[in-house]
Amino acid sequence: MGARSSQAVDPVVSRRYSSESEAALVVRRRPHMVNGGGFVVSNSKQQEVFRVDGCGVLGTKGKLLLRSGDGDDLLLIRKMGGMVQALNMVHKKWEGFGYDNEGAQKLVFTLKDPKDSCLVQHGSIRILVHGKPKISTTRNIHNNNYVEINGSFAERACNIMDSDGRAIAKIRTEKEMEEMVGNKKDLYQVIVKANVDQAFIFGVIAILDYIHGESTVC
């Protein structure tokens, strides 16, 4: 069997937010009482690279905003499924919107909101990426461009996989971190593979945080 290509998922937000080498990033949850909740992502130099605001900051439930460390809006994420929409949907869903060069919103990914029982049983969650066809390892172009989450986000033990089954990001906690803060949900690590869009990865993590009723929820 030939070696798999080193190419990972195509950029969803921007190639600007990928790295030529694997990146170890740290997520720290913000307390609701101090600054409205959400979380901050920092690199090995303790520089803020992303932050996520939830309804404690935005004032709207079911709405998340991913910003760069410089404060630029990167992803607006909304939970869909009102009374009219619910008639045509088996599951509620989340939609992530990026921004084009003129600041107009564009749909870049969709995640169906899974049932709680699925999450508890470590079922996989699939995110459909819009806008670009997938180039597989066999170089055949098809439209099934998606990533999957396998494992348990609640336990901080899960992987984000591309559609060829390769891990492009790993979410975990280290014993030293847990001992320092006393709760693995407050401080954990995300390992993102080289050439993977980190902004997209943390947009997905923002949704998982909300689904589990954590820092982004009022």
C-alpha atoms as a PDB file:
ATOM      1  CA  MET A   1       0.000   0.000   0.000  1.00  0.00           C
ATOM      2  CA  GLY A   2       1.385   3.385  -0.980  1.00  0.00           C
ATOM      3  CA  ALA A   3       1.977   6.144   1.528  1.00  0.00           C
ATOM      4  CA  ARG A   4      -0.855   8.582   2.018  1.00  0.00           C
ATOM      5  CA  SER A   5      -0.489  12.132   0.832  1.00  0.00           C
ATOM      6  CA  SER A   6       0.558  14.665   3.474  1.00  0.00           C
ATOM      7  CA  GLN A   7      -2.155  17.037   2.260  1.00  0.00           C
ATOM      8  CA  ALA A   8      -4.903  17.583   4.818  1.00  0.00           C
ATOM      9  CA  VAL A   9      -8.274  19.261   4.526  1.00  0.00           C
ATOM     10  CA  ASP A  10      -8.353  22.342   2.286  1.00  0.00           C
ATOM     11  CA  PRO A  11      -8.514  25.725   4.067  1.00  0.00           C
ATOM     12  CA  VAL A  12     -12.059  26.599   5.124  1.00  0.00           C
ATOM     13  CA  VAL A  13     -11.548  30.069   6.596  1.00  0.00           C
ATOM     14  CA  SER A  14      -8.130  30.976   5.207  1.00  0.00           C
ATOM     15  CA  ARG A  15      -4.716  29.444   4.573  1.00  0.00           C
ATOM     16  CA  ARG A  16      -3.409  32.331   6.663  1.00  0.00           C
ATOM     17  CA  TYR A  17      -4.473  30.428   9.789  1.00  0.00           C
ATOM     18  CA  SER A  18      -2.518  27.261   9.029  1.00  0.00           C
ATOM     19  CA  SER A  19       1.055  26.453   9.968  1.00  0.00           C
ATOM     20  CA  GLU A  20       3.812  24.629   8.112  1.00  0.00           C
ATOM     21  CA  SER A  21       4.427  22.542  11.233  1.00  0.00           C
ATOM     22  CA  GLU A  22       2.231  20.871  13.831  1.00  0.00           C
ATOM     23  CA  ALA A  23       0.883  23.345  16.378  1.00  0.00           C
ATOM     24  CA  ALA A  24       0.169  22.687  20.063  1.00  0.00           C
ATOM     25  CA  LEU A  25      -2.440  25.240  21.188  1.00  0.00           C
ATOM     26  CA  VAL A  26      -3.967  25.723  24.620  1.00  0.00           C
ATOM     27  CA  VAL A  27      -7.642  26.511  25.272  1.00  0.00           C
ATOM     28  CA  ARG A  28      -8.548  28.387  28.455  1.00  0.00           C
ATOM     29  CA  ARG A  29     -12.190  28.948  29.357  1.00  0.00           C
ATOM     30  CA  ARG A  30     -13.175  32.420  30.508  1.00  0.00           C
ATOM     31  CA  PRO A  31     -15.442  32.791  33.568  1.00  0.00           C
ATOM     32  CA  HIS A  32     -18.955  34.111  32.919  1.00  0.00           C
ATOM     33  CA  MET A  33     -18.839  36.463  35.866  1.00  0.00           C
ATOM     34  CA  VAL A  34     -15.720  38.276  34.636  1.00  0.00           C
ATOM     35  CA  ASN A  35     -16.043  38.641  30.878  1.00  0.00           C
ATOM     36  CA  GLY A  36     -19.112  36.796  29.649  1.00  0.00           C
ATOM     37  CA  GLY A  37     -17.646  33.337  29.162  1.00  0.00           C
ATOM     38  CA  GLY A  38     -16.314  31.846  25.952  1.00  0.00           C
ATOM     39  CA  PHE A  39     -12.698  30.796  25.637  1.00  0.00           C
ATOM     40  CA  VAL A  40      -9.259  31.967  24.526  1.00  0.00           C
ATOM     41  CA  VAL A  41      -6.721  30.026  22.443  1.00  0.00           C
ATOM     42  CA  SER A  42      -3.013  30.675  22.887  1.00  0.00           C
ATOM     43  CA  ASN A  43       0.167  29.339  21.290  1.00  0.00           C
ATOM     44  CA  SER A  44       3.409  28.063  22.804  1.00  0.00           C
ATOM     45  CA  LYS A  45       4.575  31.672  23.304  1.00  0.00           C
ATOM     46  CA  GLN A  46       1.404  32.379  25.325  1.00  0.00           C
ATOM     47  CA  GLN A  47       0.157  34.715  22.598  1.00  0.00           C
ATOM     48  CA  GLU A  48      -3.578  34.857  21.990  1.00  0.00           C
ATOM     49  CA  VAL A  49      -4.313  33.517  18.505  1.00  0.00           C
ATOM     50  CA  PHE A  50      -8.108  33.075  18.673  1.00  0.00           C
ATOM     51  CA  ARG A  51     -10.983  33.793  21.002  1.00  0.00           C
ATOM     52  CA  VAL A  52     -14.594  32.665  20.969  1.00  0.00           C
ATOM     53  CA  ASP A  53     -17.485  34.732  22.293  1.00  0.00           C
ATOM     54  CA  GLY A  54     -20.835  33.159  23.110  1.00  0.00           C
ATOM     55  CA  CYS A  55     -24.154  34.591  24.227  1.00  0.00           C
ATOM     56  CA  GLY A  56     -22.650  35.954  27.443  1.00  0.00           C
ATOM     57  CA  VAL A  57     -20.851  38.494  25.264  1.00  0.00           C
ATOM     58  CA  LEU A  58     -23.052  38.626  22.159  1.00  0.00           C
ATOM     59  CA  GLY A  59     -26.368  38.620  24.049  1.00  0.00           C
ATOM     60  CA  THR A  60     -27.968  36.087  21.693  1.00  0.00           C
ATOM     61  CA  LYS A  61     -28.438  32.378  22.379  1.00  0.00           C
ATOM     62  CA  GLY A  62     -27.349  29.978  19.666  1.00  0.00           C
ATOM     63  CA  LYS A  63     -24.817  32.408  18.245  1.00  0.00           C
ATOM     64  CA  LEU A  64     -21.015  32.210  18.439  1.00  0.00           C
ATOM     65  CA  LEU A  65     -18.258  34.411  17.066  1.00  0.00           C
ATOM     66  CA  LEU A  66     -14.685  33.318  16.428  1.00  0.00           C
ATOM     67  CA  ARG A  67     -12.183  36.172  16.319  1.00  0.00           C
ATOM     68  CA  SER A  68      -8.465  36.273  15.627  1.00  0.00           C
ATOM     69  CA  GLY A  69      -6.017  37.368  18.304  1.00  0.00           C
ATOM     70  CA  ASP A  70      -6.041  40.789  16.613  1.00  0.00           C
ATOM     71  CA  GLY A  71      -9.818  41.032  17.033  1.00  0.00           C
ATOM     72  CA  ASP A  72     -10.824  40.347  13.414  1.00  0.00           C
ATOM     73  CA  ASP A  73     -14.123  38.481  12.929  1.00  0.00           C
ATOM     74  CA  LEU A  74     -13.394  35.111  11.280  1.00  0.00           C
ATOM     75  CA  LEU A  75     -16.468  32.922  11.739  1.00  0.00           C
ATOM     76  CA  LEU A  76     -20.066  33.674  12.691  1.00  0.00           C
ATOM     77  CA  ILE A  77     -21.737  30.472  13.848  1.00  0.00           C
ATOM     78  CA  ARG A  78     -25.493  30.129  14.236  1.00  0.00           C
ATOM     79  CA  LYS A  79     -27.768  27.407  15.520  1.00  0.00           C
ATOM     80  CA  MET A  80     -30.575  26.888  13.024  1.00  0.00           C
ATOM     81  CA  GLY A  81     -33.957  25.245  13.561  1.00  0.00           C
ATOM     82  CA  GLY A  82     -36.898  27.559  14.229  1.00  0.00           C
ATOM     83  CA  MET A  83     -40.514  26.461  14.036  1.00  0.00           C
ATOM     84  CA  VAL A  84     -40.671  26.656  10.241  1.00  0.00           C
ATOM     85  CA  GLN A  85     -37.258  25.099   9.711  1.00  0.00           C
ATOM     86  CA  ALA A  86     -37.972  22.276  12.130  1.00  0.00           C
ATOM     87  CA  LEU A  87     -40.764  20.970   9.877  1.00  0.00           C
ATOM     88  CA  ASN A  88     -38.200  20.211   7.174  1.00  0.00           C
ATOM     89  CA  MET A  89     -35.344  18.979   9.356  1.00  0.00           C
ATOM     90  CA  VAL A  90     -34.777  15.749  11.219  1.00  0.00           C
ATOM     91  CA  HIS A  91     -32.001  17.383  13.242  1.00  0.00           C
ATOM     92  CA  LYS A  92     -31.287  20.940  14.153  1.00  0.00           C
ATOM     93  CA  LYS A  93     -28.025  22.171  12.742  1.00  0.00           C
ATOM     94  CA  TRP A  94     -25.258  24.699  13.097  1.00  0.00           C
ATOM     95  CA  GLU A  95     -24.032  26.823  10.209  1.00  0.00           C
ATOM     96  CA  GLY A  96     -20.638  28.526  10.081  1.00  0.00           C
ATOM     97  CA  PHE A  97     -20.228  31.667   7.980  1.00  0.00           C
ATOM     98  CA  GLY A  98     -16.890  33.094   6.897  1.00  0.00           C
ATOM     99  CA  TYR A  99     -16.347  36.445   5.218  1.00  0.00           C
ATOM    100  CA  ASP A 100     -15.200  37.262   1.690  1.00  0.00           C
ATOM    101  CA  ASN A 101     -12.807  40.085   0.777  1.00  0.00           C
ATOM    102  CA  GLU A 102     -15.676  42.592   0.830  1.00  0.00           C
ATOM    103  CA  GLY A 103     -16.936  41.484   4.253  1.00  0.00           C
ATOM    104  CA  ALA A 104     -19.992  39.611   2.951  1.00  0.00           C
ATOM    105  CA  GLN A 105     -20.924  36.404   4.759  1.00  0.00           C
ATOM    106  CA  LYS A 106     -20.543  33.037   3.024  1.00  0.00           C
ATOM    107  CA  LEU A 107     -21.597  29.610   4.282  1.00  0.00           C
ATOM    108  CA  VAL A 108     -18.490  27.483   4.831  1.00  0.00           C
ATOM    109  CA  PHE A 109     -19.642  24.525   6.943  1.00  0.00           C
ATOM    110  CA  THR A 110     -22.676  22.802   8.457  1.00  0.00           C
ATOM    111  CA  LEU A 111     -22.860  20.558  11.523  1.00  0.00           C
ATOM    112  CA  LYS A 112     -25.981  18.621  12.457  1.00  0.00           C
ATOM    113  CA  ASP A 113     -26.695  18.973  16.164  1.00  0.00           C
ATOM    114  CA  PRO A 114     -26.407  15.386  17.493  1.00  0.00           C
ATOM    115  CA  LYS A 115     -28.544  13.896  20.237  1.00  0.00           C
ATOM    116  CA  ASP A 116     -27.018  13.907  23.708  1.00  0.00           C
ATOM    117  CA  SER A 117     -27.102  10.113  23.815  1.00  0.00           C
ATOM    118  CA  CYS A 118     -24.920   9.965  20.715  1.00  0.00           C
ATOM    119  CA  LEU A 119     -22.336  12.176  22.384  1.00  0.00           C
ATOM    120  CA  VAL A 120     -22.333  10.117  25.559  1.00  0.00           C
ATOM    121  CA  GLN A 121     -21.826   6.917  23.560  1.00  0.00           C
ATOM    122  CA  HIS A 122     -18.833   8.420  21.755  1.00  0.00           C
ATOM    123  CA  GLY A 123     -20.573   8.449  18.395  1.00  0.00           C
ATOM    124  CA  SER A 124     -19.008  10.334  15.506  1.00  0.00           C
ATOM    125  CA  ILE A 125     -20.172  13.781  14.416  1.00  0.00           C
ATOM    126  CA  ARG A 126     -19.830  14.840  10.780  1.00  0.00           C
ATOM    127  CA  ILE A 127     -19.257  18.400   9.559  1.00  0.00           C
ATOM    128  CA  LEU A 128     -19.974  19.161   5.912  1.00  0.00           C
ATOM    129  CA  VAL A 129     -17.587  21.683   4.369  1.00  0.00           C
ATOM    130  CA  HIS A 130     -19.056  23.864   1.634  1.00  0.00           C
ATOM    131  CA  GLY A 131     -17.570  25.674  -1.317  1.00  0.00           C
ATOM    132  CA  LYS A 132     -14.729  23.407  -2.437  1.00  0.00           C
ATOM    133  CA  PRO A 133     -14.657  19.890  -3.897  1.00  0.00           C
ATOM    134  CA  LYS A 134     -12.522  17.407  -1.981  1.00  0.00           C
ATOM    135  CA  ILE A 135      -9.354  16.119  -3.609  1.00  0.00           C
ATOM    136  CA  SER A 136      -8.843  12.625  -2.232  1.00  0.00           C
ATOM    137  CA  THR A 137      -5.569  10.771  -1.844  1.00  0.00           C
ATOM    138  CA  THR A 138      -6.251   9.096  -5.187  1.00  0.00           C
ATOM    139  CA  ARG A 139      -6.623  12.558  -6.753  1.00  0.00           C
ATOM    140  CA  ASN A 140     -10.257  11.902  -7.669  1.00  0.00           C
ATOM    141  CA  ILE A 141     -12.402  15.003  -7.220  1.00  0.00           C
ATOM    142  CA  HIS A 142     -15.710  14.484  -5.438  1.00  0.00           C
ATOM    143  CA  ASN A 143     -18.121  16.597  -3.427  1.00  0.00           C
ATOM    144  CA  ASN A 144     -18.049  14.687  -0.133  1.00  0.00           C
ATOM    145  CA  ASN A 145     -15.826  17.207   1.615  1.00  0.00           C
ATOM    146  CA  TYR A 146     -16.341  16.656   5.311  1.00  0.00           C
ATOM    147  CA  VAL A 147     -14.591  16.087   8.616  1.00  0.00           C
ATOM    148  CA  GLU A 148     -15.668  13.859  11.498  1.00  0.00           C
ATOM    149  CA  ILE A 149     -15.233  14.060  15.259  1.00  0.00           C
ATOM    150  CA  ASN A 150     -14.517  10.728  16.914  1.00  0.00           C
ATOM    151  CA  GLY A 151     -14.311  10.228  20.666  1.00  0.00           C
ATOM    152  CA  SER A 152     -15.583  12.265  23.592  1.00  0.00           C
ATOM    153  CA  PHE A 153     -15.246  16.044  23.683  1.00  0.00           C
ATOM    154  CA  ALA A 154     -16.708  16.054  27.201  1.00  0.00           C
ATOM    155  CA  GLU A 155     -13.727  13.964  28.338  1.00  0.00           C
ATOM    156  CA  ARG A 156     -11.326  16.010  26.190  1.00  0.00           C
ATOM    157  CA  ALA A 157     -10.364  12.836  24.366  1.00  0.00           C
ATOM    158  CA  CYS A 158     -11.352  13.103  20.713  1.00  0.00           C
ATOM    159  CA  ASN A 159      -9.921  13.485  17.226  1.00  0.00           C
ATOM    160  CA  ILE A 160     -11.056  15.533  14.250  1.00  0.00           C
ATOM    161  CA  MET A 161     -10.608  13.409  11.120  1.00  0.00           C
ATOM    162  CA  ASP A 162     -10.608  14.386   7.446  1.00  0.00           C
ATOM    163  CA  SER A 163     -12.690  12.474   4.890  1.00  0.00           C
ATOM    164  CA  ASP A 164      -9.744  10.154   4.172  1.00  0.00           C
ATOM    165  CA  GLY A 165      -9.705   9.066   7.819  1.00  0.00           C
ATOM    166  CA  ARG A 166      -6.610  11.008   8.865  1.00  0.00           C
ATOM    167  CA  ALA A 167      -6.479  12.843  12.200  1.00  0.00           C
ATOM    168  CA  ILE A 168      -6.039  16.560  11.493  1.00  0.00           C
ATOM    169  CA  ALA A 169      -6.507  17.693  15.115  1.00  0.00           C
ATOM    170  CA  LYS A 170      -6.487  16.052  18.538  1.00  0.00           C
ATOM    171  CA  ILE A 171      -8.193  17.372  21.659  1.00  0.00           C
ATOM    172  CA  ARG A 172      -6.740  16.211  24.950  1.00  0.00           C
ATOM    173  CA  THR A 173      -5.841  17.230  28.461  1.00  0.00           C
ATOM    174  CA  GLU A 174      -2.552  16.675  30.238  1.00  0.00           C
ATOM    175  CA  LYS A 175      -2.228  15.658  33.874  1.00  0.00           C
ATOM    176  CA  GLU A 176      -0.174  18.764  34.644  1.00  0.00           C
ATOM    177  CA  MET A 177      -2.909  21.013  33.240  1.00  0.00           C
ATOM    178  CA  GLU A 178      -5.651  19.263  35.209  1.00  0.00           C
ATOM    179  CA  GLU A 179      -3.670  19.498  38.430  1.00  0.00           C
ATOM    180  CA  MET A 180      -3.039  23.203  37.835  1.00  0.00           C
ATOM    181  CA  VAL A 181      -6.672  24.232  37.325  1.00  0.00           C
ATOM    182  CA  GLY A 182      -8.525  21.343  39.001  1.00  0.00           C
ATOM    183  CA  ASN A 183     -10.876  20.848  36.044  1.00  0.00           C
ATOM    184  CA  LYS A 184      -9.821  19.485  32.652  1.00  0.00           C
ATOM    185  CA  LYS A 185     -12.642  21.406  31.004  1.00  0.00           C
ATOM    186  CA  ASP A 186     -11.126  24.749  31.992  1.00  0.00           C
ATOM    187  CA  LEU A 187      -7.722  24.195  30.395  1.00  0.00           C
ATOM    188  CA  TYR A 188      -6.917  21.720  27.646  1.00  0.00           C
ATOM    189  CA  GLN A 189      -4.721  21.228  24.601  1.00  0.00           C
ATOM    190  CA  VAL A 190      -5.489  21.002  20.896  1.00  0.00           C
ATOM    191  CA  ILE A 191      -2.826  19.561  18.583  1.00  0.00           C
ATOM    192  CA  VAL A 192      -3.410  20.733  14.996  1.00  0.00           C
ATOM    193  CA  LYS A 193      -1.536  19.059  12.173  1.00  0.00           C
ATOM    194  CA  ALA A 194       0.574  21.013   9.700  1.00  0.00           C
ATOM    195  CA  ASN A 195      -1.251  22.800   6.848  1.00  0.00           C
ATOM    196  CA  VAL A 196      -4.644  22.525   8.574  1.00  0.00           C
ATOM    197  CA  ASP A 197      -6.888  25.595   8.933  1.00  0.00           C
ATOM    198  CA  GLN A 198      -6.757  26.278  12.684  1.00  0.00           C
ATOM    199  CA  ALA A 199      -9.578  28.819  12.565  1.00  0.00           C
ATOM    200  CA  PHE A 200     -11.918  26.142  11.208  1.00  0.00           C
ATOM    201  CA  ILE A 201     -10.835  23.679  13.912  1.00  0.00           C
ATOM    202  CA  PHE A 202     -11.667  26.133  16.697  1.00  0.00           C
ATOM    203  CA  GLY A 203     -14.956  27.044  15.053  1.00  0.00           C
ATOM    204  CA  VAL A 204     -15.914  23.376  15.354  1.00  0.00           C
ATOM    205  CA  ILE A 205     -14.683  23.246  18.957  1.00  0.00           C
ATOM    206  CA  ALA A 206     -16.823  26.306  19.749  1.00  0.00           C
ATOM    207  CA  ILE A 207     -19.925  24.359  18.684  1.00  0.00           C
ATOM    208  CA  LEU A 208     -18.929  21.327  20.749  1.00  0.00           C
ATOM    209  CA  ASP A 209     -18.468  23.631  23.741  1.00  0.00           C
ATOM    210  CA  TYR A 210     -21.988  25.014  23.264  1.00  0.00           C
ATOM    211  CA  ILE A 211     -23.603  21.599  22.716  1.00  0.00           C
ATOM    212  CA  HIS A 212     -22.140  20.408  26.001  1.00  0.00           C
ATOM    213  CA  GLY A 213     -23.461  23.477  27.822  1.00  0.00           C
ATOM    214  CA  GLU A 214     -20.072  24.874  28.695  1.00  0.00           C
ATOM    215  CA  SER A 215     -18.373  28.291  28.475  1.00  0.00           C
ATOM    216  CA  THR A 216     -20.211  29.697  25.446  1.00  0.00           C
ATOM    217  CA  VAL A 217     -23.698  29.125  26.879  1.00  0.00           C
ATOM    218  CA  CYS A 218     -25.527  31.739  28.987  1.00  0.00           C
END
